Amino acid sequence: MVEIRQIYSGEEKVLGHVMWNAIHSEASLYSEAQRTAWLAAPPEGPAWIRKLEAQKVWVAVVGASPVGFVTLATGGYIDLAFVRSEAQGQGVFSALLVALEETAHARKHPRLWTHASLMAEPAFAARGFHVTRRETVMRADQTLARAEMEKVLP
């Protein structure tokens, strides 16, 4: 059973490892070089803590372990959305998005939007997001394809 809750103080390092695991899992549409350019090591430290503190953060927990998280920044922007590889395909992402959408609706955001990786695009599409444009970004010496996606809220 998945529990969705807010981030606990001091949990930032664990979430950095969730992010790293999701990006570096075996089942990826990105090469190893692209994944390393995207995120060479799990984020941690003061800058990572500040980034998470500046956003609303939901954490998915199975047992006592965080297995995923999602963040909502200003303007309805979903900045981060990651699920550990072993928890993917189990409804974790959908549960996180339900919690995020409830808050966005209460805050009267007209839409949610994100820059989705090739791996995350199908999960966002399954939750009613559509591609508004495709783009590539440079990370280190690698080009990464991604999609800008949005969902208009009722």
C-alpha atoms as a PDB file:
ATOM      1  CA  MET A   1       0.000   0.000   0.000  1.00  0.00           C
ATOM      2  CA  VAL A   2       1.303   3.437  -0.944  1.00  0.00           C
ATOM      3  CA  GLU A   3       1.122   6.284   1.557  1.00  0.00           C
ATOM      4  CA  ILE A   4       1.354   9.860   0.213  1.00  0.00           C
ATOM      5  CA  ARG A   5       2.579  12.522   2.612  1.00  0.00           C
ATOM      6  CA  GLN A   6       4.542  15.752   2.753  1.00  0.00           C
ATOM      7  CA  ILE A   7       8.334  15.676   2.936  1.00  0.00           C
ATOM      8  CA  TYR A   8       9.871  15.244   6.385  1.00  0.00           C
ATOM      9  CA  SER A   9      12.699  17.502   7.485  1.00  0.00           C
ATOM     10  CA  GLY A  10      16.026  15.794   6.821  1.00  0.00           C
ATOM     11  CA  GLU A  11      14.601  13.565   4.085  1.00  0.00           C
ATOM     12  CA  GLU A  12      16.162  15.517   1.220  1.00  0.00           C
ATOM     13  CA  LYS A  13      19.154  13.192   0.789  1.00  0.00           C
ATOM     14  CA  VAL A  14      16.904  10.127   0.516  1.00  0.00           C
ATOM     15  CA  LEU A  15      14.854  11.867  -2.186  1.00  0.00           C
ATOM     16  CA  GLY A  16      18.055  12.652  -4.071  1.00  0.00           C
ATOM     17  CA  HIS A  17      18.735   8.918  -4.158  1.00  0.00           C
ATOM     18  CA  VAL A  18      15.177   8.222  -5.376  1.00  0.00           C
ATOM     19  CA  MET A  19      15.790  10.675  -8.226  1.00  0.00           C
ATOM     20  CA  TRP A  20      19.161   9.150  -9.088  1.00  0.00           C
ATOM     21  CA  ASN A  21      17.729   5.622  -9.073  1.00  0.00           C
ATOM     22  CA  ALA A  22      14.825   6.603 -11.352  1.00  0.00           C
ATOM     23  CA  ILE A  23      17.165   8.212 -13.883  1.00  0.00           C
ATOM     24  CA  HIS A  24      19.807   5.472 -13.798  1.00  0.00           C
ATOM     25  CA  SER A  25      17.574   2.399 -13.865  1.00  0.00           C
ATOM     26  CA  GLU A  26      18.280  -0.215 -16.495  1.00  0.00           C
ATOM     27  CA  ALA A  27      15.016   0.357 -18.378  1.00  0.00           C
ATOM     28  CA  SER A  28      15.657   3.740 -19.974  1.00  0.00           C
ATOM     29  CA  LEU A  29      15.229   5.421 -23.327  1.00  0.00           C
ATOM     30  CA  TYR A  30      18.388   7.436 -22.627  1.00  0.00           C
ATOM     31  CA  SER A  31      21.934   6.155 -23.032  1.00  0.00           C
ATOM     32  CA  GLU A  32      24.202   5.731 -20.034  1.00  0.00           C
ATOM     33  CA  ALA A  33      26.140   8.824 -21.154  1.00  0.00           C
ATOM     34  CA  GLN A  34      22.926  10.863 -21.355  1.00  0.00           C
ATOM     35  CA  ARG A  35      21.821   9.724 -17.891  1.00  0.00           C
ATOM     36  CA  THR A  36      25.208  10.580 -16.417  1.00  0.00           C
ATOM     37  CA  ALA A  37      25.088  14.034 -18.038  1.00  0.00           C
ATOM     38  CA  TRP A  38      21.565  14.541 -16.662  1.00  0.00           C
ATOM     39  CA  LEU A  39      22.495  13.532 -13.110  1.00  0.00           C
ATOM     40  CA  ALA A  40      25.977  12.210 -12.386  1.00  0.00           C
ATOM     41  CA  ALA A  41      25.370  11.700  -8.654  1.00  0.00           C
ATOM     42  CA  PRO A  42      22.401  11.923  -6.283  1.00  0.00           C
ATOM     43  CA  PRO A  43      21.725  15.582  -5.438  1.00  0.00           C
ATOM     44  CA  GLU A  44      22.397  16.637  -1.862  1.00  0.00           C
ATOM     45  CA  GLY A  45      23.648  19.537   0.181  1.00  0.00           C
ATOM     46  CA  PRO A  46      22.417  23.086   0.789  1.00  0.00           C
ATOM     47  CA  ALA A  47      21.414  23.895  -2.819  1.00  0.00           C
ATOM     48  CA  TRP A  48      19.324  20.705  -3.063  1.00  0.00           C
ATOM     49  CA  ILE A  49      17.677  21.404   0.296  1.00  0.00           C
ATOM     50  CA  ARG A  50      16.847  24.982  -0.783  1.00  0.00           C
ATOM     51  CA  LYS A  51      15.374  23.717  -4.076  1.00  0.00           C
ATOM     52  CA  LEU A  52      13.027  21.351  -2.239  1.00  0.00           C
ATOM     53  CA  GLU A  53      12.151  23.925   0.447  1.00  0.00           C
ATOM     54  CA  ALA A  54      11.072  26.374  -2.272  1.00  0.00           C
ATOM     55  CA  GLN A  55       8.410  23.949  -3.532  1.00  0.00           C
ATOM     56  CA  LYS A  56       5.585  21.829  -2.197  1.00  0.00           C
ATOM     57  CA  VAL A  57       6.848  18.233  -2.007  1.00  0.00           C
ATOM     58  CA  TRP A  58       4.806  15.024  -1.797  1.00  0.00           C
ATOM     59  CA  VAL A  59       6.523  11.739  -0.965  1.00  0.00           C
ATOM     60  CA  ALA A  60       5.259   8.237  -1.734  1.00  0.00           C
ATOM     61  CA  VAL A  61       6.161   5.716   0.957  1.00  0.00           C
ATOM     62  CA  VAL A  62       5.874   1.938   0.869  1.00  0.00           C
ATOM     63  CA  GLY A  63       6.552   0.361   4.246  1.00  0.00           C
ATOM     64  CA  ALA A  64       8.895   2.891   5.822  1.00  0.00           C
ATOM     65  CA  SER A  65      10.815   3.776   2.651  1.00  0.00           C
ATOM     66  CA  PRO A  66      10.262   6.669   0.259  1.00  0.00           C
ATOM     67  CA  VAL A  67       9.852   5.246  -3.256  1.00  0.00           C
ATOM     68  CA  GLY A  68       8.848   8.393  -5.150  1.00  0.00           C
ATOM     69  CA  PHE A  69       8.233  12.103  -4.933  1.00  0.00           C
ATOM     70  CA  VAL A  70       6.788  14.994  -6.883  1.00  0.00           C
ATOM     71  CA  THR A  71       7.154  18.763  -6.461  1.00  0.00           C
ATOM     72  CA  LEU A  72       4.938  21.710  -7.300  1.00  0.00           C
ATOM     73  CA  ALA A  73       6.630  25.051  -7.936  1.00  0.00           C
ATOM     74  CA  THR A  74       5.034  28.415  -8.620  1.00  0.00           C
ATOM     75  CA  GLY A  75       2.656  28.799 -11.533  1.00  0.00           C
ATOM     76  CA  GLY A  76       1.522  25.173 -11.467  1.00  0.00           C
ATOM     77  CA  TYR A  77       4.913  23.889 -12.635  1.00  0.00           C
ATOM     78  CA  ILE A  78       5.740  20.285 -11.747  1.00  0.00           C
ATOM     79  CA  ASP A  79       9.494  20.563 -11.389  1.00  0.00           C
ATOM     80  CA  LEU A  80      10.426  17.080 -10.182  1.00  0.00           C
ATOM     81  CA  ALA A  81       8.598  13.750 -10.474  1.00  0.00           C
ATOM     82  CA  PHE A  82      10.529  10.535  -9.805  1.00  0.00           C
ATOM     83  CA  VAL A  83       9.708   6.969  -8.768  1.00  0.00           C
ATOM     84  CA  ARG A  84      12.318   4.337  -7.890  1.00  0.00           C
ATOM     85  CA  SER A  85      12.670   1.710 -10.612  1.00  0.00           C
ATOM     86  CA  GLU A  86      11.376  -1.161  -8.460  1.00  0.00           C
ATOM     87  CA  ALA A  87       8.203   0.813  -7.588  1.00  0.00           C
ATOM     88  CA  GLN A  88       7.345   1.853 -11.160  1.00  0.00           C
ATOM     89  CA  GLY A  89       4.168   0.440 -12.658  1.00  0.00           C
ATOM     90  CA  GLN A  90       2.499   0.079  -9.248  1.00  0.00           C
ATOM     91  CA  GLY A  91       0.376   3.239  -9.176  1.00  0.00           C
ATOM     92  CA  VAL A  92       2.898   5.317  -7.200  1.00  0.00           C
ATOM     93  CA  PHE A  93       3.107   8.100  -9.798  1.00  0.00           C
ATOM     94  CA  SER A  94      -0.693   8.301 -10.119  1.00  0.00           C
ATOM     95  CA  ALA A  95      -1.100   8.500  -6.341  1.00  0.00           C
ATOM     96  CA  LEU A  96       1.422  11.333  -6.175  1.00  0.00           C
ATOM     97  CA  LEU A  97      -0.309  13.229  -9.001  1.00  0.00           C
ATOM     98  CA  VAL A  98      -3.725  12.873  -7.348  1.00  0.00           C
ATOM     99  CA  ALA A  99      -2.380  14.603  -4.214  1.00  0.00           C
ATOM    100  CA  LEU A 100      -0.639  17.296  -6.253  1.00  0.00           C
ATOM    101  CA  GLU A 101      -3.741  17.955  -8.402  1.00  0.00           C
ATOM    102  CA  GLU A 102      -5.945  18.316  -5.318  1.00  0.00           C
ATOM    103  CA  THR A 103      -3.661  21.052  -3.998  1.00  0.00           C
ATOM    104  CA  ALA A 104      -3.376  22.737  -7.401  1.00  0.00           C
ATOM    105  CA  HIS A 105      -7.168  22.751  -7.722  1.00  0.00           C
ATOM    106  CA  ALA A 106      -7.557  24.214  -4.203  1.00  0.00           C
ATOM    107  CA  ARG A 107      -5.015  26.917  -5.090  1.00  0.00           C
ATOM    108  CA  LYS A 108      -7.031  27.642  -8.256  1.00  0.00           C
ATOM    109  CA  HIS A 109      -4.181  26.947 -10.667  1.00  0.00           C
ATOM    110  CA  PRO A 110      -5.656  27.063 -14.180  1.00  0.00           C
ATOM    111  CA  ARG A 111      -3.219  24.413 -15.387  1.00  0.00           C
ATOM    112  CA  LEU A 112      -0.346  22.149 -14.457  1.00  0.00           C
ATOM    113  CA  TRP A 113       2.682  21.887 -16.692  1.00  0.00           C
ATOM    114  CA  THR A 114       6.040  20.172 -16.776  1.00  0.00           C
ATOM    115  CA  HIS A 115       9.053  19.243 -18.839  1.00  0.00           C
ATOM    116  CA  ALA A 116       8.731  15.448 -19.025  1.00  0.00           C
ATOM    117  CA  SER A 117      11.531  13.084 -19.888  1.00  0.00           C
ATOM    118  CA  LEU A 118      10.905  10.412 -22.506  1.00  0.00           C
ATOM    119  CA  MET A 119      10.491   7.981 -19.606  1.00  0.00           C
ATOM    120  CA  ALA A 120       7.934  10.138 -17.752  1.00  0.00           C
ATOM    121  CA  GLU A 121       5.906  11.240 -20.782  1.00  0.00           C
ATOM    122  CA  PRO A 122       3.616   8.157 -20.867  1.00  0.00           C
ATOM    123  CA  ALA A 123       2.879   8.445 -17.137  1.00  0.00           C
ATOM    124  CA  PHE A 124       1.919  12.110 -17.497  1.00  0.00           C
ATOM    125  CA  ALA A 125      -0.179  11.318 -20.603  1.00  0.00           C
ATOM    126  CA  ALA A 126      -2.040   8.641 -18.627  1.00  0.00           C
ATOM    127  CA  ARG A 127      -2.969  11.347 -16.086  1.00  0.00           C
ATOM    128  CA  GLY A 128      -4.459  13.632 -18.784  1.00  0.00           C
ATOM    129  CA  PHE A 129      -1.422  15.720 -19.761  1.00  0.00           C
ATOM    130  CA  HIS A 130      -0.776  16.445 -23.429  1.00  0.00           C
ATOM    131  CA  VAL A 131       2.380  17.500 -25.259  1.00  0.00           C
ATOM    132  CA  THR A 132       2.514  21.203 -26.078  1.00  0.00           C
ATOM    133  CA  ARG A 133       5.954  21.020 -27.686  1.00  0.00           C
ATOM    134  CA  ARG A 134       8.980  18.806 -28.025  1.00  0.00           C
ATOM    135  CA  GLU A 135      12.459  20.061 -27.321  1.00  0.00           C
ATOM    136  CA  THR A 136      16.025  19.016 -26.693  1.00  0.00           C
ATOM    137  CA  VAL A 137      18.254  20.314 -23.933  1.00  0.00           C
ATOM    138  CA  MET A 138      22.002  20.092 -23.452  1.00  0.00           C
ATOM    139  CA  ARG A 139      23.396  18.587 -20.281  1.00  0.00           C
ATOM    140  CA  ALA A 140      27.179  18.486 -20.181  1.00  0.00           C
ATOM    141  CA  ASP A 141      28.066  17.184 -23.664  1.00  0.00           C
ATOM    142  CA  GLN A 142      24.798  15.285 -24.226  1.00  0.00           C
ATOM    143  CA  THR A 143      21.525  16.181 -25.916  1.00  0.00           C
ATOM    144  CA  LEU A 144      18.370  14.997 -24.160  1.00  0.00           C
ATOM    145  CA  ALA A 145      14.934  14.927 -25.760  1.00  0.00           C
ATOM    146  CA  ARG A 146      11.942  15.868 -23.636  1.00  0.00           C
ATOM    147  CA  ALA A 147       8.373  17.113 -23.943  1.00  0.00           C
ATOM    148  CA  GLU A 148       6.713  20.164 -22.472  1.00  0.00           C
ATOM    149  CA  MET A 149       3.336  18.932 -21.284  1.00  0.00           C
ATOM    150  CA  GLU A 150       0.289  20.499 -19.685  1.00  0.00           C
ATOM    151  CA  LYS A 151      -3.047  19.653 -18.165  1.00  0.00           C
ATOM    152  CA  VAL A 152      -5.798  22.254 -17.964  1.00  0.00           C
ATOM    153  CA  LEU A 153      -7.553  22.000 -14.631  1.00  0.00           C
ATOM    154  CA  PRO A 154     -11.345  22.241 -14.277  1.00  0.00           C
END
